[in-house]
């Protein structure tokens, strides 16, 4: 799977120079971690967003957002957004804000 360099750049711009933010190659793309906890990711098949179990219903109601799968396994609390969604500044920010709210509530690793 190839990386989506444009999406990676969008995420870098949105997340800025936030303290504790790191990047790592994962999931066939680029993962962004906050204090060691997975936050979001960029792959050629979409933007991955970690909202936490039970926190993803609002996002799944949006057209272009689906449950993330790892093989055939459903990844509870994770969603994947299409280019139409992450290309919309307001929707991308809303998804990232949801991910940040969840991940900032976790203890650092």
N, C-alpha and C. Protein backbone atom coordinates (compact mmCIF):
# COMPACT_ATOMS: atom_id res chain seq x y z
N UNK A 1 0.85 -1.18 0.00
CA UNK A 1 0.00 0.00 0.00
C UNK A 1 0.89 1.24 0.00
N UNK A 2 0.56 2.18 -0.84
CA UNK A 2 1.35 3.40 -0.92
C UNK A 2 0.82 4.45 0.05
N UNK A 3 1.71 5.35 0.40
CA UNK A 3 1.34 6.42 1.33
C UNK A 3 0.66 7.55 0.59
N UNK A 4 -0.14 8.33 1.29
CA UNK A 4 -0.79 9.52 0.74
C UNK A 4 -0.07 10.73 1.31
N UNK A 5 0.92 11.21 0.58
CA UNK A 5 1.75 12.30 1.07
C UNK A 5 0.96 13.60 1.24
N UNK A 6 -0.04 13.82 0.40
CA UNK A 6 -0.88 15.02 0.53
C UNK A 6 -1.67 15.01 1.82
N UNK A 7 -2.26 13.86 2.16
CA UNK A 7 -3.00 13.74 3.42
C UNK A 7 -2.07 13.87 4.60
N UNK A 8 -0.89 13.29 4.51
CA UNK A 8 0.08 13.43 5.60
C UNK A 8 0.39 14.90 5.85
N UNK A 9 0.57 15.67 4.79
CA UNK A 9 0.85 17.10 4.94
C UNK A 9 -0.33 17.85 5.55
N UNK A 10 -1.56 17.51 5.12
CA UNK A 10 -2.75 18.12 5.72
C UNK A 10 -2.79 17.86 7.23
N UNK A 11 -2.51 16.63 7.63
CA UNK A 11 -2.54 16.30 9.05
C UNK A 11 -1.44 17.02 9.81
N UNK A 12 -0.26 17.12 9.22
CA UNK A 12 0.82 17.87 9.88
C UNK A 12 0.42 19.33 10.10
N UNK A 13 -0.19 19.92 9.07
CA UNK A 13 -0.63 21.32 9.19
C UNK A 13 -1.69 21.48 10.27
N UNK A 14 -2.66 20.58 10.29
CA UNK A 14 -3.75 20.66 11.29
C UNK A 14 -3.23 20.44 12.71
N UNK A 15 -2.34 19.49 12.88
CA UNK A 15 -1.87 19.13 14.22
C UNK A 15 -0.78 20.06 14.71
N UNK A 16 -0.09 20.73 13.78
CA UNK A 16 0.92 21.71 14.16
C UNK A 16 2.08 21.12 14.92
N UNK A 17 2.68 21.94 15.77
CA UNK A 17 3.85 21.50 16.54
C UNK A 17 3.45 21.15 17.98
N UNK A 18 2.32 20.48 18.08
CA UNK A 18 1.77 20.06 19.37
C UNK A 18 2.81 19.26 20.15
N UNK A 19 2.97 19.57 21.40
CA UNK A 19 3.90 18.86 22.27
C UNK A 19 3.48 17.40 22.39
N UNK A 20 4.44 16.48 22.25
CA UNK A 20 4.18 15.05 22.38
C UNK A 20 3.74 14.38 21.10
N UNK A 21 3.66 15.14 20.00
CA UNK A 21 3.23 14.58 18.72
C UNK A 21 4.42 13.96 18.00
N UNK A 22 4.26 12.72 17.56
CA UNK A 22 5.29 12.03 16.79
C UNK A 22 4.63 11.32 15.62
N UNK A 23 5.46 10.90 14.69
CA UNK A 23 4.98 10.17 13.51
C UNK A 23 5.73 8.84 13.42
N UNK A 24 5.04 7.88 12.80
CA UNK A 24 5.61 6.55 12.67
C UNK A 24 4.96 5.85 11.48
N UNK A 25 5.73 5.06 10.75
CA UNK A 25 5.15 4.26 9.67
C UNK A 25 4.40 3.08 10.28
N UNK A 26 3.10 3.02 9.99
CA UNK A 26 2.23 1.95 10.51
C UNK A 26 1.03 1.80 9.58
N UNK A 27 0.37 0.66 9.63
CA UNK A 27 -0.88 0.43 8.91
C UNK A 27 -0.74 0.66 7.40
N UNK A 28 0.45 0.50 6.86
CA UNK A 28 0.65 0.74 5.44
C UNK A 28 0.63 2.21 5.09
N UNK A 29 0.83 3.06 6.07
CA UNK A 29 0.82 4.51 5.84
C UNK A 29 1.62 5.21 6.92
N UNK A 30 1.17 6.36 7.31
CA UNK A 30 1.85 7.17 8.33
C UNK A 30 0.89 7.37 9.50
N UNK A 31 1.34 7.01 10.69
CA UNK A 31 0.54 7.18 11.90
C UNK A 31 1.05 8.38 12.68
N UNK A 32 0.12 9.07 13.32
CA UNK A 32 0.45 10.20 14.18
C UNK A 32 0.08 9.80 15.61
N UNK A 33 1.03 9.96 16.52
CA UNK A 33 0.84 9.58 17.91
C UNK A 33 0.95 10.81 18.80
N UNK A 34 0.20 10.82 19.87
CA UNK A 34 0.26 11.89 20.85
C UNK A 34 0.63 11.27 22.19
N UNK A 35 1.77 11.63 22.71
CA UNK A 35 2.29 11.06 23.95
C UNK A 35 2.32 9.53 23.89
N UNK A 36 2.65 9.00 22.71
CA UNK A 36 2.77 7.56 22.53
C UNK A 36 1.49 6.83 22.20
N UNK A 37 0.35 7.52 22.21
CA UNK A 37 -0.95 6.91 21.89
C UNK A 37 -1.33 7.23 20.45
N UNK A 38 -1.79 6.23 19.71
CA UNK A 38 -2.22 6.45 18.34
C UNK A 38 -3.36 7.46 18.30
N UNK A 39 -3.26 8.40 17.39
CA UNK A 39 -4.24 9.47 17.25
C UNK A 39 -4.97 9.36 15.91
N UNK A 40 -4.20 9.31 14.84
CA UNK A 40 -4.79 9.26 13.51
C UNK A 40 -3.74 8.73 12.54
N UNK A 41 -4.17 8.52 11.31
CA UNK A 41 -3.24 8.02 10.32
C UNK A 41 -3.63 8.44 8.92
N UNK A 42 -2.66 8.37 8.03
CA UNK A 42 -2.87 8.70 6.62
C UNK A 42 -2.45 7.50 5.78
N UNK A 43 -3.39 7.01 4.99
CA UNK A 43 -3.11 5.93 4.04
C UNK A 43 -3.71 6.31 2.71
N UNK A 44 -3.35 5.59 1.67
CA UNK A 44 -3.90 5.93 0.36
C UNK A 44 -5.39 5.63 0.26
N UNK A 45 -5.94 4.87 1.21
CA UNK A 45 -7.38 4.57 1.18
C UNK A 45 -8.17 5.41 2.18
N UNK A 46 -7.55 6.42 2.77
CA UNK A 46 -8.29 7.32 3.63
C UNK A 46 -7.55 7.75 4.88
N UNK A 47 -8.22 8.61 5.63
CA UNK A 47 -7.71 9.10 6.90
C UNK A 47 -8.28 8.24 8.01
N UNK A 48 -7.41 7.73 8.86
CA UNK A 48 -7.82 6.93 10.00
C UNK A 48 -7.89 7.85 11.21
N UNK A 49 -8.97 7.70 11.98
CA UNK A 49 -9.20 8.56 13.14
C UNK A 49 -9.58 7.70 14.34
N UNK A 50 -8.92 7.93 15.45
CA UNK A 50 -9.22 7.21 16.69
C UNK A 50 -10.13 8.07 17.56
N UNK A 51 -11.37 7.62 17.72
CA UNK A 51 -12.34 8.35 18.53
C UNK A 51 -12.65 7.66 19.85
N UNK A 52 -12.25 6.41 19.99
CA UNK A 52 -12.51 5.65 21.21
C UNK A 52 -13.81 4.88 21.12
N UNK A 53 -13.84 3.72 21.76
CA UNK A 53 -15.03 2.88 21.75
C UNK A 53 -16.22 3.65 22.29
N UNK A 54 -17.32 3.58 21.55
CA UNK A 54 -18.54 4.25 21.95
C UNK A 54 -18.60 5.73 21.60
N UNK A 55 -17.51 6.27 21.06
CA UNK A 55 -17.45 7.70 20.71
C UNK A 55 -17.52 7.94 19.22
N UNK A 56 -17.75 6.90 18.44
CA UNK A 56 -17.64 7.04 16.99
C UNK A 56 -18.97 7.09 16.25
N UNK A 57 -20.09 6.98 16.93
CA UNK A 57 -21.40 6.96 16.29
C UNK A 57 -21.68 8.20 15.45
N UNK A 58 -21.35 9.37 15.97
CA UNK A 58 -21.59 10.61 15.24
C UNK A 58 -20.80 10.65 13.95
N UNK A 59 -19.57 10.14 13.99
CA UNK A 59 -18.72 10.15 12.79
C UNK A 59 -19.23 9.14 11.76
N UNK A 60 -19.66 7.97 12.24
CA UNK A 60 -20.15 6.95 11.33
C UNK A 60 -21.45 7.37 10.63
N UNK A 61 -22.15 8.35 11.18
CA UNK A 61 -23.37 8.87 10.55
C UNK A 61 -23.06 9.79 9.38
N UNK A 62 -21.80 10.21 9.24
CA UNK A 62 -21.41 11.09 8.14
C UNK A 62 -21.18 10.28 6.86
N UNK A 63 -21.70 10.75 5.73
CA UNK A 63 -21.40 10.07 4.47
C UNK A 63 -19.89 10.09 4.22
N UNK A 64 -19.33 8.97 3.81
CA UNK A 64 -17.90 8.90 3.53
C UNK A 64 -17.06 8.48 4.72
N UNK A 65 -17.70 8.15 5.84
CA UNK A 65 -16.98 7.68 7.02
C UNK A 65 -17.48 6.27 7.33
N UNK A 66 -16.54 5.33 7.45
CA UNK A 66 -16.89 3.95 7.75
C UNK A 66 -16.04 3.43 8.90
N UNK A 67 -16.47 2.30 9.45
CA UNK A 67 -15.72 1.64 10.52
C UNK A 67 -14.39 1.15 9.95
N UNK A 68 -13.32 1.33 10.69
CA UNK A 68 -12.03 0.83 10.26
C UNK A 68 -11.99 -0.68 10.45
N UNK A 69 -11.40 -1.35 9.48
CA UNK A 69 -11.21 -2.79 9.55
C UNK A 69 -9.72 -3.10 9.50
N UNK A 70 -9.34 -4.12 10.24
CA UNK A 70 -7.99 -4.67 10.16
C UNK A 70 -8.16 -6.09 9.68
N UNK A 71 -7.99 -6.30 8.38
CA UNK A 71 -8.37 -7.57 7.78
C UNK A 71 -9.89 -7.64 7.83
N UNK A 72 -10.42 -8.65 8.51
CA UNK A 72 -11.87 -8.76 8.68
C UNK A 72 -12.33 -8.30 10.06
N UNK A 73 -11.38 -7.90 10.88
CA UNK A 73 -11.69 -7.49 12.25
C UNK A 73 -12.11 -6.03 12.32
N UNK A 74 -13.26 -5.77 12.93
CA UNK A 74 -13.74 -4.41 13.13
C UNK A 74 -12.93 -3.76 14.25
N UNK A 75 -12.41 -2.59 13.98
CA UNK A 75 -11.63 -1.85 14.97
C UNK A 75 -12.55 -0.85 15.66
N UNK A 76 -13.11 -1.27 16.79
CA UNK A 76 -14.03 -0.41 17.55
C UNK A 76 -13.34 0.89 17.94
N UNK A 77 -14.05 1.99 17.75
CA UNK A 77 -13.50 3.28 18.14
C UNK A 77 -12.62 3.94 17.09
N UNK A 78 -12.42 3.27 15.97
CA UNK A 78 -11.63 3.80 14.86
C UNK A 78 -12.51 3.93 13.64
N UNK A 79 -12.36 5.01 12.89
CA UNK A 79 -13.10 5.18 11.64
C UNK A 79 -12.12 5.55 10.52
N UNK A 80 -12.60 5.34 9.29
CA UNK A 80 -11.83 5.72 8.11
C UNK A 80 -12.66 6.70 7.30
N UNK A 81 -12.07 7.83 6.94
CA UNK A 81 -12.75 8.86 6.17
C UNK A 81 -12.18 8.93 4.76
N UNK A 82 -13.07 9.07 3.79
CA UNK A 82 -12.65 9.17 2.40
C UNK A 82 -12.08 10.56 2.10
N UNK A 83 -11.52 10.70 0.90
CA UNK A 83 -10.93 11.97 0.48
C UNK A 83 -11.97 13.09 0.47
N UNK A 84 -13.22 12.77 0.15
CA UNK A 84 -14.27 13.79 0.15
C UNK A 84 -14.48 14.35 1.55
N UNK A 85 -14.31 13.52 2.55
CA UNK A 85 -14.49 13.96 3.94
C UNK A 85 -13.25 14.71 4.42
N UNK A 86 -12.07 14.09 4.31
CA UNK A 86 -10.89 14.77 4.86
C UNK A 86 -10.47 15.96 4.01
N UNK A 87 -10.99 16.07 2.78
CA UNK A 87 -10.73 17.24 1.95
C UNK A 87 -11.57 18.45 2.36
N UNK A 88 -12.59 18.21 3.16
CA UNK A 88 -13.45 19.28 3.68
C UNK A 88 -12.83 19.77 4.98
N UNK A 89 -12.38 21.01 4.99
CA UNK A 89 -11.67 21.55 6.16
C UNK A 89 -12.47 21.42 7.45
N UNK A 90 -13.76 21.69 7.39
CA UNK A 90 -14.60 21.65 8.59
C UNK A 90 -14.74 20.21 9.10
N UNK A 91 -15.00 19.27 8.20
CA UNK A 91 -15.16 17.86 8.63
C UNK A 91 -13.84 17.29 9.14
N UNK A 92 -12.74 17.60 8.44
CA UNK A 92 -11.44 17.12 8.89
C UNK A 92 -11.13 17.63 10.29
N UNK A 93 -11.39 18.92 10.52
CA UNK A 93 -11.14 19.51 11.85
C UNK A 93 -12.03 18.88 12.91
N UNK A 94 -13.29 18.63 12.56
CA UNK A 94 -14.21 18.01 13.52
C UNK A 94 -13.73 16.61 13.91
N UNK A 95 -13.30 15.83 12.93
CA UNK A 95 -12.79 14.49 13.22
C UNK A 95 -11.52 14.55 14.06
N UNK A 96 -10.62 15.44 13.69
CA UNK A 96 -9.37 15.56 14.46
C UNK A 96 -9.63 16.07 15.88
N UNK A 97 -10.57 16.99 16.04
CA UNK A 97 -10.91 17.47 17.38
C UNK A 97 -11.45 16.33 18.23
N UNK A 98 -12.28 15.47 17.63
CA UNK A 98 -12.79 14.31 18.35
C UNK A 98 -11.68 13.36 18.75
N UNK A 99 -10.74 13.14 17.85
CA UNK A 99 -9.60 12.26 18.15
C UNK A 99 -8.73 12.86 19.25
N UNK A 100 -8.47 14.14 19.15
CA UNK A 100 -7.64 14.80 20.18
C UNK A 100 -8.31 14.74 21.55
N UNK A 101 -9.61 14.99 21.60
CA UNK A 101 -10.33 14.94 22.88
C UNK A 101 -10.20 13.56 23.50
N UNK A 102 -10.32 12.52 22.69
CA UNK A 102 -10.21 11.16 23.23
C UNK A 102 -8.77 10.85 23.65
N UNK A 103 -7.84 11.05 22.76
CA UNK A 103 -6.46 10.63 23.02
C UNK A 103 -5.83 11.47 24.15
N UNK A 104 -6.20 12.73 24.27
CA UNK A 104 -5.68 13.54 25.36
C UNK A 104 -6.18 13.07 26.72
N UNK A 105 -7.26 12.29 26.74
CA UNK A 105 -7.77 11.76 28.00
C UNK A 105 -7.04 10.49 28.45
N UNK A 106 -6.20 9.95 27.59
CA UNK A 106 -5.46 8.73 27.90
C UNK A 106 -4.15 9.04 28.60
N UNK A 107 -3.68 8.14 29.46
CA UNK A 107 -2.35 8.34 30.05
C UNK A 107 -1.28 8.17 28.97
N UNK A 108 -0.23 8.96 29.05
CA UNK A 108 0.87 8.84 28.09
C UNK A 108 1.60 7.51 28.26
N UNK A 109 2.25 7.11 27.20
CA UNK A 109 3.02 5.86 27.23
C UNK A 109 4.49 6.16 27.31
